[in-house]
C-alpha atoms as a PDB file:
ATOM      1  CA  MET A   1      -2.424  27.924  19.189  1.00  0.00           C
ATOM      2  CA  ALA A   2      -6.145  27.131  19.171  1.00  0.00           C
ATOM      3  CA  TYR A   3      -7.710  25.203  16.348  1.00  0.00           C
ATOM      4  CA  ALA A   4      -9.463  26.984  13.473  1.00  0.00           C
ATOM      5  CA  LEU A   5     -11.578  25.637  10.642  1.00  0.00           C
ATOM      6  CA  VAL A   6      -9.791  25.918   7.305  1.00  0.00           C
ATOM      7  CA  GLY A   7     -11.929  27.001   4.358  1.00  0.00           C
ATOM      8  CA  THR A   8     -15.505  25.761   4.139  1.00  0.00           C
ATOM      9  CA  ILE A   9     -16.432  22.393   5.597  1.00  0.00           C
ATOM     10  CA  GLY A  10     -17.249  19.863   2.879  1.00  0.00           C
ATOM     11  CA  ALA A  11     -20.790  18.865   1.999  1.00  0.00           C
ATOM     12  CA  VAL A  12     -22.134  15.572   3.334  1.00  0.00           C
ATOM     13  CA  SER A  13     -21.813  12.736   0.835  1.00  0.00           C
ATOM     14  CA  THR A  14     -24.390   9.957   1.082  1.00  0.00           C
ATOM     15  CA  GLY A  15     -23.682   6.645  -0.601  1.00  0.00           C
ATOM     16  CA  SER A  16     -26.128   4.277  -2.200  1.00  0.00           C
ATOM     17  CA  LEU A  17     -27.272   1.242  -0.234  1.00  0.00           C
ATOM     18  CA  SER A  18     -24.317  -1.122   0.380  1.00  0.00           C
ATOM     19  CA  ALA A  19     -21.992   1.136  -1.660  1.00  0.00           C
ATOM     20  CA  SER A  20     -18.771   2.908  -0.737  1.00  0.00           C
ATOM     21  CA  VAL A  21     -18.663   6.684  -0.474  1.00  0.00           C
ATOM     22  CA  THR A  22     -15.893   9.227  -1.088  1.00  0.00           C
ATOM     23  CA  PRO A  23     -16.817  12.602   0.422  1.00  0.00           C
ATOM     24  CA  ALA A  24     -15.523  15.815  -1.170  1.00  0.00           C
ATOM     25  CA  TRP A  25     -13.279  18.452   0.358  1.00  0.00           C
ATOM     26  CA  GLY A  26     -14.835  21.866   0.871  1.00  0.00           C
ATOM     27  CA  THR A  27     -13.841  25.181  -0.684  1.00  0.00           C
ATOM     28  CA  ASN A  28     -10.244  26.154   0.196  1.00  0.00           C
ATOM     29  CA  GLU A  29      -9.666  22.977   2.146  1.00  0.00           C
ATOM     30  CA  ASN A  30      -6.177  22.536   0.679  1.00  0.00           C
ATOM     31  CA  ARG A  31      -4.993  19.875   3.143  1.00  0.00           C
ATOM     32  CA  ASN A  32      -1.890  21.834   4.107  1.00  0.00           C
ATOM     33  CA  ALA A  33       0.824  19.684   5.638  1.00  0.00           C
ATOM     34  CA  ASN A  34       0.405  19.041   9.381  1.00  0.00           C
ATOM     35  CA  ASN A  35      -3.192  20.309   9.514  1.00  0.00           C
ATOM     36  CA  LEU A  36      -5.749  18.005  11.110  1.00  0.00           C
ATOM     37  CA  LEU A  37      -8.107  16.312   8.660  1.00  0.00           C
ATOM     38  CA  VAL A  38     -11.391  15.032  10.086  1.00  0.00           C
ATOM     39  CA  ALA A  39     -14.075  12.726   8.712  1.00  0.00           C
ATOM     40  CA  PHE A  40     -17.485  12.567  10.389  1.00  0.00           C
ATOM     41  CA  VAL A  41     -19.341   9.351   9.526  1.00  0.00           C
ATOM     42  CA  PHE A  42     -22.770   7.928  10.169  1.00  0.00           C
ATOM     43  CA  GLN A  43     -23.487   4.375   8.973  1.00  0.00           C
ATOM     44  CA  SER A  44     -27.166   3.488   8.878  1.00  0.00           C
ATOM     45  CA  SER A  45     -26.981  -0.290   9.319  1.00  0.00           C
ATOM     46  CA  GLY A  46     -24.719  -3.326   9.286  1.00  0.00           C
ATOM     47  CA  THR A  47     -23.022  -5.530  11.857  1.00  0.00           C
ATOM     48  CA  VAL A  48     -19.584  -3.867  11.590  1.00  0.00           C
ATOM     49  CA  LEU A  49     -18.425  -0.306  11.026  1.00  0.00           C
ATOM     50  CA  THR A  50     -16.952   0.556   7.627  1.00  0.00           C
ATOM     51  CA  ALA A  51     -13.210  -0.108   7.452  1.00  0.00           C
ATOM     52  CA  THR A  52     -10.825   2.691   8.423  1.00  0.00           C
ATOM     53  CA  PRO A  53      -9.351   4.159   5.204  1.00  0.00           C
ATOM     54  CA  SER A  54      -5.622   3.717   4.638  1.00  0.00           C
ATOM     55  CA  GLY A  55      -3.598   6.404   6.400  1.00  0.00           C
ATOM     56  CA  TRP A  56      -6.493   7.429   8.650  1.00  0.00           C
ATOM     57  CA  THR A  57      -7.221   6.616  12.308  1.00  0.00           C
ATOM     58  CA  LYS A  58     -10.567   5.953  13.928  1.00  0.00           C
ATOM     59  CA  ALA A  59     -10.820   8.229  16.949  1.00  0.00           C
ATOM     60  CA  VAL A  60     -14.102   6.875  18.288  1.00  0.00           C
ATOM     61  CA  SER A  61     -17.324   5.105  17.310  1.00  0.00           C
ATOM     62  CA  ALA A  62     -20.443   3.773  19.020  1.00  0.00           C
ATOM     63  CA  GLY A  63     -23.158   1.272  18.284  1.00  0.00           C
ATOM     64  CA  THR A  64     -23.521  -2.313  17.099  1.00  0.00           C
ATOM     65  CA  THR A  65     -25.904  -1.941  14.137  1.00  0.00           C
ATOM     66  CA  LEU A  66     -25.921   1.834  13.475  1.00  0.00           C
ATOM     67  CA  PHE A  67     -22.710   3.767  13.919  1.00  0.00           C
ATOM     68  CA  PRO A  68     -21.778   7.407  14.503  1.00  0.00           C
ATOM     69  CA  ALA A  69     -17.992   7.693  14.186  1.00  0.00           C
ATOM     70  CA  ILE A  70     -15.100  10.151  13.870  1.00  0.00           C
ATOM     71  CA  PHE A  71     -11.895   9.516  11.904  1.00  0.00           C
ATOM     72  CA  TYR A  72      -8.808  11.729  11.555  1.00  0.00           C
ATOM     73  CA  LYS A  73      -5.486  12.108   9.757  1.00  0.00           C
ATOM     74  CA  VAL A  74      -2.528  14.494   9.975  1.00  0.00           C
ATOM     75  CA  ALA A  75      -2.247  15.999   6.493  1.00  0.00           C
ATOM     76  CA  ALA A  76       0.814  15.222   4.388  1.00  0.00           C
ATOM     77  CA  GLY A  77      -0.169  17.906   1.884  1.00  0.00           C
ATOM     78  CA  SER A  78      -2.871  17.901  -0.829  1.00  0.00           C
ATOM     79  CA  ASP A  79      -4.216  14.618   0.558  1.00  0.00           C
ATOM     80  CA  SER A  80      -6.816  12.732  -1.434  1.00  0.00           C
ATOM     81  CA  ALA A  81     -10.266  12.298   0.037  1.00  0.00           C
ATOM     82  CA  PRO A  82     -10.730   8.981   1.863  1.00  0.00           C
ATOM     83  CA  THR A  83     -13.065   6.286   0.594  1.00  0.00           C
ATOM     84  CA  PHE A  84     -15.293   4.551   3.137  1.00  0.00           C
ATOM     85  CA  ALA A  85     -15.947   0.993   2.030  1.00  0.00           C
ATOM     86  CA  GLY A  86     -19.499  -0.156   1.504  1.00  0.00           C
ATOM     87  CA  VAL A  87     -21.183  -2.363   4.088  1.00  0.00           C
ATOM     88  CA  THR A  88     -23.961  -4.737   3.025  1.00  0.00           C
ATOM     89  CA  GLY A  89     -27.379  -3.240   3.747  1.00  0.00           C
ATOM     90  CA  ALA A  90     -25.936   0.055   4.994  1.00  0.00           C
ATOM     91  CA  THR A  91     -25.932   3.652   3.796  1.00  0.00           C
ATOM     92  CA  ILE A  92     -22.840   5.675   4.687  1.00  0.00           C
ATOM     93  CA  ASN A  93     -22.968   9.444   5.257  1.00  0.00           C
ATOM     94  CA  ALA A  94     -19.587  11.199   5.474  1.00  0.00           C
ATOM     95  CA  GLN A  95     -18.311  14.772   5.765  1.00  0.00           C
ATOM     96  CA  LEU A  96     -14.751  16.153   5.697  1.00  0.00           C
ATOM     97  CA  ALA A  97     -13.212  19.085   7.551  1.00  0.00           C
ATOM     98  CA  GLU A  98      -9.720  20.580   7.887  1.00  0.00           C
ATOM     99  CA  PHE A  99      -8.412  22.368  10.972  1.00  0.00           C
ATOM    100  CA  SER A 100      -5.217  24.319  11.604  1.00  0.00           C
ATOM    101  CA  GLY A 101      -3.591  24.343  15.047  1.00  0.00           C
ATOM    102  CA  ASN A 102      -2.662  20.690  15.036  1.00  0.00           C
ATOM    103  CA  THR A 103       0.225  19.064  16.896  1.00  0.00           C
ATOM    104  CA  ALA A 104       1.990  15.719  16.587  1.00  0.00           C
ATOM    105  CA  SER A 105      -0.025  12.768  17.966  1.00  0.00           C
ATOM    106  CA  PRO A 106      -3.119  14.995  18.101  1.00  0.00           C
ATOM    107  CA  GLN A 107      -5.788  12.766  19.628  1.00  0.00           C
ATOM    108  CA  ASP A 108      -6.445  13.511  23.280  1.00  0.00           C
ATOM    109  CA  GLN A 109      -9.645  12.203  24.892  1.00  0.00           C
ATOM    110  CA  THR A 110     -12.681  10.285  23.598  1.00  0.00           C
ATOM    111  CA  GLY A 111     -16.029   9.142  24.904  1.00  0.00           C
ATOM    112  CA  SER A 112     -19.212   7.407  23.758  1.00  0.00           C
ATOM    113  CA  GLY A 113     -22.622   6.624  25.144  1.00  0.00           C
ATOM    114  CA  ASN A 114     -26.157   5.514  24.380  1.00  0.00           C
ATOM    115  CA  GLY A 115     -29.586   5.651  25.927  1.00  0.00           C
ATOM    116  CA  ALA A 116     -33.278   6.096  25.225  1.00  0.00           C
ATOM    117  CA  THR A 117     -33.845   9.571  26.655  1.00  0.00           C
ATOM    118  CA  SER A 118     -32.753  13.093  25.739  1.00  0.00           C
ATOM    119  CA  PRO A 119     -30.403  14.769  26.463  1.00  0.00           C
ATOM    120  CA  LEU A 120     -27.568  12.261  26.307  1.00  0.00           C
ATOM    121  CA  THR A 121     -24.310  13.366  27.918  1.00  0.00           C
ATOM    122  CA  VAL A 122     -21.057  11.789  26.750  1.00  0.00           C
ATOM    123  CA  THR A 123     -18.166  12.568  29.087  1.00  0.00           C
ATOM    124  CA  LEU A 124     -14.669  12.308  27.651  1.00  0.00           C
ATOM    125  CA  ALA A 125     -12.237  10.132  29.555  1.00  0.00           C
ATOM    126  CA  ALA A 126     -10.261  12.859  31.338  1.00  0.00           C
ATOM    127  CA  ALA A 127      -9.647  16.585  31.522  1.00  0.00           C
ATOM    128  CA  ASP A 128      -7.943  18.172  28.509  1.00  0.00           C
ATOM    129  CA  ALA A 129      -4.362  19.233  28.984  1.00  0.00           C
ATOM    130  CA  THR A 130      -4.725  22.666  27.371  1.00  0.00           C
ATOM    131  CA  VAL A 131      -7.466  25.245  26.845  1.00  0.00           C
ATOM    132  CA  GLY A 132      -8.218  25.670  23.136  1.00  0.00           C
ATOM    133  CA  GLU A 133      -8.454  22.035  22.097  1.00  0.00           C
ATOM    134  CA  LEU A 134     -10.714  20.926  19.254  1.00  0.00           C
ATOM    135  CA  LEU A 135     -13.860  19.093  20.312  1.00  0.00           C
ATOM    136  CA  LEU A 136     -15.882  16.983  17.847  1.00  0.00           C
ATOM    137  CA  GLY A 137     -19.257  15.268  18.174  1.00  0.00           C
ATOM    138  CA  ALA A 138     -21.424  12.848  16.194  1.00  0.00           C
ATOM    139  CA  SER A 139     -24.832  11.446  17.127  1.00  0.00           C
ATOM    140  CA  TYR A 140     -27.514   9.008  16.032  1.00  0.00           C
ATOM    141  CA  LEU A 141     -31.155   9.345  17.075  1.00  0.00           C
ATOM    142  CA  SER A 142     -33.829   6.732  16.403  1.00  0.00           C
ATOM    143  CA  TYR A 143     -37.589   7.123  16.886  1.00  0.00           C
ATOM    144  CA  THR A 144     -40.331   4.500  16.930  1.00  0.00           C
ATOM    145  CA  SER A 145     -42.206   6.483  14.254  1.00  0.00           C
ATOM    146  CA  SER A 146     -41.199   9.112  11.697  1.00  0.00           C
ATOM    147  CA  ASN A 147     -41.031  12.773  12.693  1.00  0.00           C
ATOM    148  CA  THR A 148     -39.081  15.915  11.807  1.00  0.00           C
ATOM    149  CA  GLY A 149     -37.059  15.989  14.993  1.00  0.00           C
ATOM    150  CA  ASN A 150     -33.403  16.937  15.054  1.00  0.00           C
ATOM    151  CA  CYS A 151     -30.351  16.617  17.280  1.00  0.00           C
ATOM    152  CA  THR A 152     -28.015  19.402  18.428  1.00  0.00           C
ATOM    153  CA  PHE A 153     -24.812  19.571  20.505  1.00  0.00           C
ATOM    154  CA  THR A 154     -23.758  21.514  23.577  1.00  0.00           C
ATOM    155  CA  SER A 155     -20.815  21.159  25.972  1.00  0.00           C
ATOM    156  CA  ASN A 156     -19.693  22.248  29.412  1.00  0.00           C
ATOM    157  CA  ASN A 157     -16.448  23.671  27.993  1.00  0.00           C
ATOM    158  CA  ALA A 158     -17.211  24.778  24.427  1.00  0.00           C
ATOM    159  CA  THR A 159     -19.780  26.235  22.052  1.00  0.00           C
ATOM    160  CA  PHE A 160     -20.581  23.845  19.212  1.00  0.00           C
ATOM    161  CA  THR A 161     -21.020  24.744  15.551  1.00  0.00           C
ATOM    162  CA  ALA A 162     -23.419  22.515  13.634  1.00  0.00           C
ATOM    163  CA  ALA A 163     -21.969  20.593  10.712  1.00  0.00           C
ATOM    164  CA  GLY A 164     -23.791  18.029   8.541  1.00  0.00           C
ATOM    165  CA  SER A 165     -27.074  16.433   9.551  1.00  0.00           C
ATOM    166  CA  ASN A 166     -30.445  15.291   8.284  1.00  0.00           C
ATOM    167  CA  ASN A 167     -32.148  17.537  10.820  1.00  0.00           C
ATOM    168  CA  GLY A 168     -35.619  18.611   9.775  1.00  0.00           C
ATOM    169  CA  SER A 169     -36.266  15.578   7.581  1.00  0.00           C
ATOM    170  CA  SER A 170     -39.208  13.321   8.326  1.00  0.00           C
ATOM    171  CA  SER A 171     -37.590  10.053   9.335  1.00  0.00           C
ATOM    172  CA  THR A 172     -37.226   7.516  12.113  1.00  0.00           C
ATOM    173  CA  THR A 173     -33.453   7.960  11.908  1.00  0.00           C
ATOM    174  CA  HIS A 174     -31.670  11.256  12.559  1.00  0.00           C
ATOM    175  CA  TRP A 175     -27.934  11.943  12.657  1.00  0.00           C
ATOM    176  CA  ALA A 176     -25.776  15.016  13.184  1.00  0.00           C
ATOM    177  CA  PHE A 177     -22.143  16.156  13.292  1.00  0.00           C
ATOM    178  CA  GLY A 178     -20.630  19.168  15.063  1.00  0.00           C
ATOM    179  CA  TYR A 179     -17.399  20.815  16.173  1.00  0.00           C
ATOM    180  CA  ALA A 180     -16.134  23.363  18.694  1.00  0.00           C
ATOM    181  CA  THR A 181     -12.909  25.195  17.903  1.00  0.00           C
ATOM    182  CA  GLY A 182     -11.982  26.312  21.408  1.00  0.00           C
ATOM    183  CA  THR A 183     -12.784  25.097  24.908  1.00  0.00           C
ATOM    184  CA  THR A 184     -13.281  27.665  27.654  1.00  0.00           C
ATOM    185  CA  SER A 185     -12.050  25.589  30.593  1.00  0.00           C
ATOM    186  CA  ASN A 186      -9.844  22.592  31.216  1.00  0.00           C
ATOM    187  CA  SER A 187     -10.744  22.155  34.866  1.00  0.00           C
ATOM    188  CA  GLY A 188     -12.795  19.048  34.150  1.00  0.00           C
ATOM    189  CA  ALA A 189     -13.454  16.469  31.454  1.00  0.00           C
ATOM    190  CA  ASP A 190     -15.249  17.803  28.381  1.00  0.00           C
ATOM    191  CA  THR A 191     -18.811  16.726  27.676  1.00  0.00           C
ATOM    192  CA  VAL A 192     -20.626  16.352  24.371  1.00  0.00           C
ATOM    193  CA  VAL A 193     -24.355  16.641  25.039  1.00  0.00           C
ATOM    194  CA  SER A 194     -26.764  15.472  22.316  1.00  0.00           C
ATOM    195  CA  THR A 195     -30.255  16.932  22.643  1.00  0.00           C
ATOM    196  CA  ALA A 196     -33.268  15.858  20.595  1.00  0.00           C
ATOM    197  CA  SER A 197     -35.886  18.458  19.708  1.00  0.00           C
ATOM    198  CA  VAL A 198     -38.605  15.798  20.005  1.00  0.00           C
ATOM    199  CA  THR A 199     -38.164  13.877  23.252  1.00  0.00           C
ATOM    200  CA  THR A 200     -41.013  11.368  22.929  1.00  0.00           C
ATOM    201  CA  ASN A 201     -40.928   7.961  21.228  1.00  0.00           C
ATOM    202  CA  ILE A 202     -37.126   7.772  21.316  1.00  0.00           C
ATOM    203  CA  SER A 203     -35.856   4.285  20.674  1.00  0.00           C
ATOM    204  CA  THR A 204     -32.104   4.966  20.786  1.00  0.00           C
ATOM    205  CA  LEU A 205     -29.851   8.003  21.190  1.00  0.00           C
ATOM    206  CA  GLN A 206     -26.129   7.424  20.669  1.00  0.00           C
ATOM    207  CA  GLY A 207     -23.305   9.919  20.803  1.00  0.00           C
ATOM    208  CA  VAL A 208     -19.533  10.088  20.457  1.00  0.00           C
ATOM    209  CA  GLY A 209     -17.016  12.810  21.252  1.00  0.00           C
ATOM    210  CA  ALA A 210     -13.303  13.335  20.665  1.00  0.00           C
ATOM    211  CA  SER A 211     -10.850  16.080  21.613  1.00  0.00           C
ATOM    212  CA  PHE A 212      -7.556  16.970  19.920  1.00  0.00           C
ATOM    213  CA  LYS A 213      -4.453  18.624  21.346  1.00  0.00           C
ATOM    214  CA  VAL A 214      -3.366  22.112  20.302  1.00  0.00           C
ATOM    215  CA  SER A 215       0.079  22.989  18.950  1.00  0.00           C
ATOM    216  CA  PRO A 216       2.449  25.025  21.151  1.00  0.00           C
ATOM    217  CA  SER A 217       2.112  28.806  20.921  1.00  0.00           C
ATOM    218  CA  PRO A 218       4.764  30.402  18.661  1.00  0.00           C
ATOM    219  CA  VAL A 219       5.009  33.262  21.186  1.00  0.00           C
ATOM    220  CA  GLY A 220       5.713  30.842  23.990  1.00  0.00           C
ATOM    221  CA  MET A 221       8.376  29.140  21.897  1.00  0.00           C
ATOM    222  CA  THR A 222      10.057  32.485  21.143  1.00  0.00           C
ATOM    223  CA  LEU A 223      10.123  33.444  24.810  1.00  0.00           C
ATOM    224  CA  SER A 224      11.705  30.137  25.690  1.00  0.00           C
ATOM    225  CA  VAL A 225      14.510  30.713  23.181  1.00  0.00           C
ATOM    226  CA  ASN A 226      15.100  34.244  24.469  1.00  0.00           C
ATOM    227  CA  GLN A 227      15.220  32.988  28.018  1.00  0.00           C
ATOM    228  CA  ALA A 228      17.760  30.366  27.030  1.00  0.00           C
ATOM    229  CA  ILE A 229      19.966  33.024  25.401  1.00  0.00           C
ATOM    230  CA  LYS A 230      19.795  35.229  28.483  1.00  0.00           C
ATOM    231  CA  ARG A 231      20.706  32.342  30.718  1.00  0.00           C
ATOM    232  CA  ALA A 232      23.623  31.408  28.486  1.00  0.00           C
ATOM    233  CA  SER A 233      24.999  34.953  28.721  1.00  0.00           C
ATOM    234  CA  PHE A 234      25.701  34.450  32.421  1.00  0.00           C
ATOM    235  CA  PHE A 235      28.251  31.746  31.699  1.00  0.00           C
END
């Protein structure tokens, strides 16, 4: 069963300098048991990434002083929002999402990359096992001077939906999050391609991607049971 966004993705929460941040769940994100909970994070400075909240897992991150990252958790039911601890000199931006279609041990493949030109292609470690997996992306884009550039995502196997970002703001630092709820092919490793709208004066472009396994199809499970019954009738 392919992944599907539950409710409305939460708004981005931006902490004060050096302070922790607790992002809010979106409308009708009820954190139903066994759904996949996702936290997109961008940390604007620091020498280490904010600590992983209790009960959550870091899927992937990139960078040494500025960090795009993705965290996840399998919902127990009505889960509280995570708190991302403050890092001295850093501002933390975080956004929460909930997806149905999850399976046990959901993380599949991850990838990260950095460069100084656009587009930046991050290739996940290996081909996904099943069509319909969830694909997530986060990016950080730095310019040598302020502009209103933005960063968007594409993929070889999926169509991305934009999530939180500071796209369109006049800044030297731009960040963006995105998700794709169904891949179209599993013949090769997924890519997460970050593309800047302004391709000059780029200092750094970093990106991360993560894919998550789908749950078995209820129809397929039913057929398997029926087949077992038929086979048993021969004995």
